[in-house]
C-alpha atoms as a PDB file:
ATOM      1  CA  MET A   1       0.000   0.000   0.000  1.00  0.00           C
ATOM      2  CA  PHE A   2       1.226   3.479  -0.821  1.00  0.00           C
ATOM      3  CA  LEU A   3       1.179   6.578   1.312  1.00  0.00           C
ATOM      4  CA  SER A   4      -1.572   9.155   0.971  1.00  0.00           C
ATOM      5  CA  ALA A   5      -1.397  11.716  -1.818  1.00  0.00           C
ATOM      6  CA  ALA A   6       0.154  14.404   0.351  1.00  0.00           C
ATOM      7  CA  LEU A   7       2.803  12.093   1.744  1.00  0.00           C
ATOM      8  CA  ALA A   8       3.644  10.476  -1.568  1.00  0.00           C
ATOM      9  CA  LEU A   9       4.063  13.817  -3.274  1.00  0.00           C
ATOM     10  CA  GLY A  10       6.250  14.968  -0.410  1.00  0.00           C
ATOM     11  CA  ALA A  11       8.447  11.969  -1.022  1.00  0.00           C
ATOM     12  CA  CYS A  12       8.673  12.464  -4.740  1.00  0.00           C
ATOM     13  CA  THR A  13       8.868  16.145  -5.595  1.00  0.00           C
ATOM     14  CA  SER A  14      10.967  18.934  -4.220  1.00  0.00           C
ATOM     15  CA  ASN A  15      12.333  22.358  -4.973  1.00  0.00           C
ATOM     16  CA  ASN A  16      15.798  21.403  -3.782  1.00  0.00           C
ATOM     17  CA  GLY A  17      18.326  20.178  -6.334  1.00  0.00           C
ATOM     18  CA  PRO A  18      20.313  16.964  -5.906  1.00  0.00           C
ATOM     19  CA  SER A  19      23.359  17.235  -3.680  1.00  0.00           C
ATOM     20  CA  ASP A  20      25.756  15.911  -6.321  1.00  0.00           C
ATOM     21  CA  THR A  21      24.916  18.105  -9.294  1.00  0.00           C
ATOM     22  CA  PRO A  22      27.497  19.090 -11.910  1.00  0.00           C
ATOM     23  CA  THR A  23      26.842  21.948 -14.318  1.00  0.00           C
ATOM     24  CA  SER A  24      23.677  20.909 -16.118  1.00  0.00           C
ATOM     25  CA  ALA A  25      20.293  22.236 -17.151  1.00  0.00           C
ATOM     26  CA  ALA A  26      18.898  19.791 -14.623  1.00  0.00           C
ATOM     27  CA  SER A  27      20.433  21.710 -11.751  1.00  0.00           C
ATOM     28  CA  GLU A  28      18.040  24.570 -12.490  1.00  0.00           C
ATOM     29  CA  ALA A  29      14.943  22.466 -11.757  1.00  0.00           C
ATOM     30  CA  THR A  30      12.647  23.727  -9.018  1.00  0.00           C
ATOM     31  CA  GLU A  31       9.160  22.755  -7.954  1.00  0.00           C
ATOM     32  CA  SER A  32       6.358  24.625  -9.699  1.00  0.00           C
ATOM     33  CA  SER A  33       3.483  26.041  -7.667  1.00  0.00           C
ATOM     34  CA  ASP A  34       0.985  23.574  -9.040  1.00  0.00           C
ATOM     35  CA  SER A  35       1.674  19.888  -8.713  1.00  0.00           C
ATOM     36  CA  ALA A  36       1.796  18.137 -12.073  1.00  0.00           C
ATOM     37  CA  SER A  37       2.673  14.741 -10.601  1.00  0.00           C
ATOM     38  CA  LYS A  38      -0.047  12.610  -9.104  1.00  0.00           C
ATOM     39  CA  ALA A  39       0.545  10.391  -6.107  1.00  0.00           C
ATOM     40  CA  PRO A  40       0.885   6.629  -6.641  1.00  0.00           C
ATOM     41  CA  ASP A  41      -2.429   4.769  -6.656  1.00  0.00           C
ATOM     42  CA  ALA A  42      -2.929   2.803  -3.454  1.00  0.00           C
ATOM     43  CA  SER A  43      -4.490  -0.024  -5.443  1.00  0.00           C
ATOM     44  CA  GLU A  44      -1.219  -0.894  -7.141  1.00  0.00           C
ATOM     45  CA  SER A  45       1.294  -3.354  -5.720  1.00  0.00           C
ATOM     46  CA  PRO A  46       4.795  -1.994  -5.013  1.00  0.00           C
ATOM     47  CA  SER A  47       6.353  -5.394  -5.700  1.00  0.00           C
ATOM     48  CA  GLU A  48       4.941  -5.449  -9.238  1.00  0.00           C
ATOM     49  CA  GLU A  49       5.291  -1.764 -10.066  1.00  0.00           C
ATOM     50  CA  ALA A  50       8.804  -1.241  -8.743  1.00  0.00           C
ATOM     51  CA  LYS A  51      10.459  -4.451  -9.920  1.00  0.00           C
ATOM     52  CA  PRO A  52      13.401  -3.720 -12.251  1.00  0.00           C
ATOM     53  CA  ASP A  53      12.711  -5.097 -15.723  1.00  0.00           C
ATOM     54  CA  THR A  54      15.220  -4.200 -18.412  1.00  0.00           C
ATOM     55  CA  GLY A  55      14.342  -7.096 -20.719  1.00  0.00           C
ATOM     56  CA  ASP A  56      16.236  -6.676 -23.978  1.00  0.00           C
ATOM     57  CA  ALA A  57      16.554  -2.931 -23.485  1.00  0.00           C
ATOM     58  CA  LYS A  58      19.862  -1.261 -24.174  1.00  0.00           C
ATOM     59  CA  PRO A  59      21.348   1.350 -21.836  1.00  0.00           C
ATOM     60  CA  VAL A  60      20.924   5.001 -22.763  1.00  0.00           C
ATOM     61  CA  ALA A  61      24.006   6.185 -20.864  1.00  0.00           C
ATOM     62  CA  THR A  62      27.081   4.787 -19.149  1.00  0.00           C
ATOM     63  CA  ARG A  63      29.326   6.064 -16.382  1.00  0.00           C
ATOM     64  CA  GLN A  64      32.214   4.749 -14.302  1.00  0.00           C
ATOM     65  CA  LEU A  65      31.780   4.890 -10.538  1.00  0.00           C
ATOM     66  CA  PRO A  66      34.789   5.005  -8.224  1.00  0.00           C
ATOM     67  CA  GLY A  67      34.957   1.971  -5.961  1.00  0.00           C
ATOM     68  CA  ASP A  68      37.341   0.279  -3.569  1.00  0.00           C
ATOM     69  CA  PRO A  69      39.257  -1.822  -4.499  1.00  0.00           C
ATOM     70  CA  ALA A  70      37.945  -1.447  -8.074  1.00  0.00           C
ATOM     71  CA  ASP A  71      35.800   0.917 -10.115  1.00  0.00           C
ATOM     72  CA  VAL A  72      32.336  -0.177 -11.260  1.00  0.00           C
ATOM     73  CA  ASP A  73      30.654   0.425 -14.621  1.00  0.00           C
ATOM     74  CA  LEU A  74      27.131   1.896 -14.494  1.00  0.00           C
ATOM     75  CA  GLU A  75      24.546   1.530 -17.256  1.00  0.00           C
ATOM     76  CA  LEU A  76      21.388   3.647 -17.086  1.00  0.00           C
ATOM     77  CA  PHE A  77      18.210   2.514 -18.844  1.00  0.00           C
ATOM     78  CA  ALA A  78      15.233   4.530 -20.048  1.00  0.00           C
ATOM     79  CA  VAL A  79      12.827   5.531 -17.272  1.00  0.00           C
ATOM     80  CA  ARG A  80       9.790   3.225 -17.249  1.00  0.00           C
ATOM     81  CA  ASP A  81       6.547   5.039 -16.401  1.00  0.00           C
ATOM     82  CA  THR A  82       3.423   2.954 -15.776  1.00  0.00           C
ATOM     83  CA  GLY A  83       1.218   5.911 -14.926  1.00  0.00           C
ATOM     84  CA  THR A  84       1.377   4.918 -11.260  1.00  0.00           C
ATOM     85  CA  LEU A  85       5.132   5.032 -10.758  1.00  0.00           C
ATOM     86  CA  ALA A  86       8.181   5.992 -12.766  1.00  0.00           C
ATOM     87  CA  THR A  87      11.183   3.734 -12.217  1.00  0.00           C
ATOM     88  CA  ILE A  88      14.858   4.536 -12.611  1.00  0.00           C
ATOM     89  CA  THR A  89      16.872   1.391 -13.349  1.00  0.00           C
ATOM     90  CA  VAL A  90      20.636   1.003 -13.518  1.00  0.00           C
ATOM     91  CA  ARG A  91      22.941  -1.944 -14.005  1.00  0.00           C
ATOM     92  CA  LEU A  92      26.256  -2.070 -12.173  1.00  0.00           C
ATOM     93  CA  LYS A  93      29.016  -4.211 -13.658  1.00  0.00           C
ATOM     94  CA  ASN A  94      32.198  -5.287 -11.941  1.00  0.00           C
ATOM     95  CA  THR A  95      34.649  -6.142 -14.694  1.00  0.00           C
ATOM     96  CA  SER A  96      37.587  -6.431 -12.302  1.00  0.00           C
ATOM     97  CA  ASP A  97      38.925  -9.516 -10.539  1.00  0.00           C
ATOM     98  CA  LYS A  98      38.077  -8.093  -7.093  1.00  0.00           C
ATOM     99  CA  ASP A  99      34.820  -8.021  -5.115  1.00  0.00           C
ATOM    100  CA  VAL A 100      33.325  -4.570  -4.443  1.00  0.00           C
ATOM    101  CA  ASN A 101      30.991  -3.566  -1.608  1.00  0.00           C
ATOM    102  CA  LEU A 102      27.987  -1.795  -3.154  1.00  0.00           C
ATOM    103  CA  GLY A 103      27.751   0.460  -0.112  1.00  0.00           C
ATOM    104  CA  ASP A 104      31.142   1.906  -1.037  1.00  0.00           C
ATOM    105  CA  VAL A 105      29.986   2.699  -4.570  1.00  0.00           C
ATOM    106  CA  ILE A 106      26.477   4.110  -4.105  1.00  0.00           C
ATOM    107  CA  GLN A 107      25.474   5.445  -0.714  1.00  0.00           C
ATOM    108  CA  ALA A 108      22.542   7.699   0.152  1.00  0.00           C
ATOM    109  CA  LYS A 109      22.920  10.777   2.356  1.00  0.00           C
ATOM    110  CA  ASP A 110      19.237  11.320   3.108  1.00  0.00           C
ATOM    111  CA  GLN A 111      17.981   9.306   6.101  1.00  0.00           C
ATOM    112  CA  SER A 112      14.637  11.078   6.477  1.00  0.00           C
ATOM    113  CA  ILE A 113      11.236   9.430   6.028  1.00  0.00           C
ATOM    114  CA  PRO A 114       8.989  11.737   3.954  1.00  0.00           C
ATOM    115  CA  GLY A 115       5.919  13.129   5.691  1.00  0.00           C
ATOM    116  CA  THR A 116       7.290  12.346   9.141  1.00  0.00           C
ATOM    117  CA  GLU A 117       9.935  13.642  11.511  1.00  0.00           C
ATOM    118  CA  GLU A 118      11.514  10.194  11.650  1.00  0.00           C
ATOM    119  CA  THR A 119      14.839   9.053  10.262  1.00  0.00           C
ATOM    120  CA  ASN A 120      16.159   5.605   9.430  1.00  0.00           C
ATOM    121  CA  SER A 121      19.915   5.123   9.315  1.00  0.00           C
ATOM    122  CA  LYS A 122      19.470   2.019   7.131  1.00  0.00           C
ATOM    123  CA  LEU A 123      18.330   4.268   4.279  1.00  0.00           C
ATOM    124  CA  VAL A 124      21.988   5.173   3.789  1.00  0.00           C
ATOM    125  CA  PHE A 125      22.423   1.742   2.218  1.00  0.00           C
ATOM    126  CA  THR A 126      19.709   2.128  -0.415  1.00  0.00           C
ATOM    127  CA  THR A 127      19.278   3.823  -3.767  1.00  0.00           C
ATOM    128  CA  ARG A 128      16.833   6.405  -2.378  1.00  0.00           C
ATOM    129  CA  ASP A 129      19.134   9.225  -3.544  1.00  0.00           C
ATOM    130  CA  PHE A 130      18.483   8.414  -7.210  1.00  0.00           C
ATOM    131  CA  HIS A 131      16.425  11.420  -8.381  1.00  0.00           C
ATOM    132  CA  LEU A 132      14.397  12.039 -11.529  1.00  0.00           C
ATOM    133  CA  ILE A 133      14.455  15.640 -12.736  1.00  0.00           C
ATOM    134  CA  ASP A 134      11.582  16.930 -14.853  1.00  0.00           C
ATOM    135  CA  ASN A 135      13.131  20.021 -16.422  1.00  0.00           C
ATOM    136  CA  LYS A 136       9.986  20.910 -18.381  1.00  0.00           C
ATOM    137  CA  ASN A 137       7.861  21.271 -15.231  1.00  0.00           C
ATOM    138  CA  LYS A 138      10.788  22.216 -12.975  1.00  0.00           C
ATOM    139  CA  LYS A 139      10.265  19.310 -10.581  1.00  0.00           C
ATOM    140  CA  ILE A 140      12.537  16.861  -8.831  1.00  0.00           C
ATOM    141  CA  HIS A 141      10.980  13.455  -8.165  1.00  0.00           C
ATOM    142  CA  ARG A 142      12.494  11.694  -5.155  1.00  0.00           C
ATOM    143  CA  ALA A 143      12.090   8.107  -3.969  1.00  0.00           C
ATOM    144  CA  ALA A 144       8.559   6.990  -3.098  1.00  0.00           C
ATOM    145  CA  PHE A 145       7.748   5.217   0.168  1.00  0.00           C
ATOM    146  CA  ASP A 146       4.908   2.826   1.015  1.00  0.00           C
ATOM    147  CA  THR A 147       2.571   2.989   4.008  1.00  0.00           C
ATOM    148  CA  SER A 148       5.011   0.867   6.014  1.00  0.00           C
ATOM    149  CA  LYS A 149       7.617   3.611   5.515  1.00  0.00           C
ATOM    150  CA  HIS A 150       9.672   1.373   3.241  1.00  0.00           C
ATOM    151  CA  CYS A 151      11.503   2.957   0.346  1.00  0.00           C
ATOM    152  CA  LEU A 152      10.525   1.748  -3.119  1.00  0.00           C
ATOM    153  CA  CYS A 153      14.177   1.365  -3.987  1.00  0.00           C
ATOM    154  CA  SER A 154      16.985  -1.176  -3.856  1.00  0.00           C
ATOM    155  CA  ASP A 155      18.517  -2.225  -0.541  1.00  0.00           C
ATOM    156  CA  ILE A 156      22.287  -2.616  -0.852  1.00  0.00           C
ATOM    157  CA  TYR A 157      23.121  -3.200   2.819  1.00  0.00           C
ATOM    158  CA  GLN A 158      26.074  -5.601   3.101  1.00  0.00           C
ATOM    159  CA  GLN A 159      25.743  -6.553  -0.557  1.00  0.00           C
ATOM    160  CA  TRP A 160      28.826  -7.289  -2.586  1.00  0.00           C
ATOM    161  CA  LEU A 161      29.279  -7.102  -6.325  1.00  0.00           C
ATOM    162  CA  ARG A 162      31.433 -10.110  -7.015  1.00  0.00           C
ATOM    163  CA  ALA A 163      34.258 -10.045  -9.524  1.00  0.00           C
ATOM    164  CA  GLY A 164      32.896 -10.393 -13.049  1.00  0.00           C
ATOM    165  CA  SER A 165      29.253 -10.050 -11.966  1.00  0.00           C
ATOM    166  CA  GLN A 166      26.476  -7.489 -12.444  1.00  0.00           C
ATOM    167  CA  VAL A 167      23.338  -6.356 -10.620  1.00  0.00           C
ATOM    168  CA  ASP A 168      20.271  -4.264 -11.497  1.00  0.00           C
ATOM    169  CA  LEU A 169      19.174  -1.582  -9.017  1.00  0.00           C
ATOM    170  CA  TYR A 170      16.096   0.640  -9.057  1.00  0.00           C
ATOM    171  CA  THR A 171      14.325   3.589  -7.481  1.00  0.00           C
ATOM    172  CA  SER A 172      10.637   4.331  -8.045  1.00  0.00           C
ATOM    173  CA  VAL A 173       9.215   7.850  -7.911  1.00  0.00           C
ATOM    174  CA  ALA A 174       5.954   9.622  -8.760  1.00  0.00           C
ATOM    175  CA  PRO A 175       4.975   9.311 -12.444  1.00  0.00           C
ATOM    176  CA  VAL A 176       6.091  11.826 -15.035  1.00  0.00           C
ATOM    177  CA  PRO A 177       3.364  14.084 -16.484  1.00  0.00           C
ATOM    178  CA  GLU A 178       2.147  13.390 -20.019  1.00  0.00           C
ATOM    179  CA  GLY A 179       4.024  15.398 -22.598  1.00  0.00           C
ATOM    180  CA  VAL A 180       7.395  14.879 -20.924  1.00  0.00           C
ATOM    181  CA  ASP A 181       9.444  12.599 -23.183  1.00  0.00           C
ATOM    182  CA  THR A 182      12.892  13.024 -21.640  1.00  0.00           C
ATOM    183  CA  VAL A 183      14.145  13.724 -18.134  1.00  0.00           C
ATOM    184  CA  SER A 184      17.422  14.022 -16.270  1.00  0.00           C
ATOM    185  CA  VAL A 185      18.520  11.480 -13.671  1.00  0.00           C
ATOM    186  CA  SER A 186      20.805  12.218 -10.720  1.00  0.00           C
ATOM    187  CA  ILE A 187      22.820   9.325  -9.280  1.00  0.00           C
ATOM    188  CA  PRO A 188      25.342   9.500  -6.416  1.00  0.00           C
ATOM    189  CA  ASN A 189      28.929   9.488  -7.733  1.00  0.00           C
ATOM    190  CA  ALA A 190      27.663   9.651 -11.327  1.00  0.00           C
ATOM    191  CA  GLY A 191      26.229  13.171 -11.281  1.00  0.00           C
ATOM    192  CA  VAL A 192      23.342  14.241 -13.499  1.00  0.00           C
ATOM    193  CA  ILE A 193      22.618  12.408 -16.748  1.00  0.00           C
ATOM    194  CA  ASP A 194      20.499  14.409 -19.190  1.00  0.00           C
ATOM    195  CA  ASP A 195      18.151  13.425 -22.034  1.00  0.00           C
ATOM    196  CA  VAL A 196      17.025  10.117 -20.536  1.00  0.00           C
ATOM    197  CA  PRO A 197      13.981   8.816 -22.479  1.00  0.00           C
ATOM    198  CA  VAL A 198      10.683   8.091 -20.716  1.00  0.00           C
ATOM    199  CA  VAL A 199       9.008   4.859 -21.861  1.00  0.00           C
ATOM    200  CA  ARG A 200       5.325   4.648 -20.954  1.00  0.00           C
ATOM    201  CA  GLY A 201       3.143   1.601 -20.363  1.00  0.00           C
ATOM    202  CA  LYS A 202       3.158  -1.492 -18.180  1.00  0.00           C
END
């Protein structure tokens, strides 16, 4: 079950830019006075909506993330928007011969639970700091949470990316308004990636 409209929108849109933002048009995004993004529908299942599904899709952008003891390759896929949620999906690849702790590669700074005064230190080890930036409507969509205060994002606590392996990670946010065909995506240690296509449908 998802949070109420007010809480879900609080989780997903903001007028504050991402903390790791290089020079980019995306860094100019701010929240408009009227909310163009609707809250997730409580009738939908988070497990079905938020599940990463790249299928045969090809990445739209690549980056290299600094890691210890080895760097990790990141592939970003088109944002999938079902009308209930929009999902950011990345694939991390470890092409080295050494294991890498995912928490050393991608770590969130925000420990707050939207709509509450609570914090959860375990959120540091999630992908909740993946942000979708709607430049057209000047909105930043942040990670959505369900009614149990769980982030609709990947948990990377004590997870290792073994040598030669790969893993898909995701973060779900409020859907992107109709008429928006491309967005920017902000990812810790990767910065802002512009011109990411939005693919609509289940």
